[in-house]
Protein backbone atom coordinates (compact mmCIF):
# COMPACT_ATOMS: atom_id res chain seq x y z
CA MET A 1 18.86 14.21 9.45
CA PHE A 2 17.01 10.97 8.75
CA GLY A 3 20.23 8.92 8.83
CA LEU A 4 21.28 10.52 12.11
CA ARG A 5 17.95 9.70 13.75
CA VAL A 6 18.05 6.13 12.47
CA ARG A 7 21.55 5.58 13.86
CA ARG A 8 20.60 7.13 17.22
CA ALA A 9 17.64 4.78 17.42
CA GLY A 10 19.98 1.84 16.81
CA LEU A 11 18.23 0.82 13.59
CA ARG A 12 19.71 -0.45 10.35
CA VAL A 13 20.21 2.44 7.95
CA ILE A 14 18.20 2.21 4.75
CA SER A 15 17.41 4.93 2.25
CA LEU A 16 14.56 7.29 2.93
CA ARG A 17 13.08 6.23 -0.42
CA ASN A 18 12.95 2.62 0.80
CA THR A 19 11.12 3.62 3.98
CA ARG A 20 8.56 5.45 1.86
CA HIS A 21 8.10 2.41 -0.37
CA THR A 22 7.76 0.15 2.69
CA CYS A 23 5.10 2.48 4.08
CA GLY A 24 3.18 2.38 0.79
CA ALA A 25 3.40 -1.40 0.59
CA LEU A 26 2.17 -1.76 4.17
CA LEU A 27 -0.76 0.55 3.47
CA VAL A 28 -1.75 -1.75 0.59
CA VAL A 29 -1.48 -4.87 2.76
CA LEU A 30 -3.57 -3.15 5.45
CA LYS A 31 -6.16 -2.31 2.76
CA VAL A 32 -6.01 1.41 3.50
CA HIS A 33 -8.22 3.38 1.12
CA PRO A 34 -6.11 4.69 -1.80
CA LYS A 35 -7.12 8.31 -1.13
CA ALA A 36 -5.91 8.01 2.46
CA ALA A 37 -2.67 6.41 1.23
CA ARG A 38 -2.25 9.25 -1.27
CA ARG A 39 -2.47 11.79 1.53
CA ILE A 40 -0.10 9.85 3.80
CA LEU A 41 2.46 9.50 1.00
CA ARG A 42 1.82 13.12 -0.07
CA HIS A 43 1.30 12.33 -3.74
CA SER A 44 -0.32 15.13 -5.71
CA GLN A 45 -2.11 12.66 -7.99
CA ILE A 46 -3.95 9.47 -7.00
CA ALA A 47 -2.64 7.90 -10.22
CA MET A 48 0.90 7.91 -8.78
CA THR A 49 -0.24 6.13 -5.64
CA MET A 50 -2.23 3.56 -7.57
CA GLU A 51 0.46 2.89 -10.18
CA VAL A 52 3.37 2.52 -7.76
CA TYR A 53 1.80 0.98 -4.67
CA SER A 54 -1.39 -0.80 -5.63
CA ALA A 55 -1.21 -4.53 -5.98
CA ALA A 56 -3.77 -7.16 -6.78
CA GLY A 57 -2.51 -10.58 -5.84
CA ASP A 58 -4.23 -13.82 -6.72
CA GLU A 59 -6.01 -13.92 -3.35
CA ASP A 60 -7.34 -10.38 -3.83
CA VAL A 61 -8.60 -11.17 -7.32
CA ARG A 62 -10.29 -14.40 -6.14
CA ALA A 63 -11.94 -12.59 -3.20
CA ALA A 64 -13.21 -9.84 -5.51
CA LEU A 65 -14.66 -12.37 -7.95
CA ASP A 66 -16.31 -14.27 -5.09
CA GLN A 67 -17.87 -11.03 -3.82
CA LEU A 68 -19.09 -10.14 -7.29
CA SER A 69 -20.55 -13.61 -7.78
CA ALA A 70 -22.32 -13.47 -4.40
CA ALA A 71 -23.72 -10.01 -5.16
CA MET A 72 -25.16 -11.32 -8.40
CA GLY A 73 -26.76 -14.32 -6.73
CA GLY A 74 -24.15 -16.84 -7.84
CA SER A 75 -22.74 -19.71 -5.85
CA GLY A 76 -19.09 -18.67 -6.21
């Protein structure tokens, strides 16, 4: 049914699994709360959502360390 709808919409056909992964990746980029992402992706366990879709790039790590430093009265 998914493939039929995709073709009717004139879109490139990709696997349903890939659309799910794309959705999860976009939720991470949009900084959606993991519990909300879990519900959207319909995972029974938050661990699945966090293990498969969570990502902490260099920019995220640097921003987190800067926030922590600022909260502790540091200069960054």
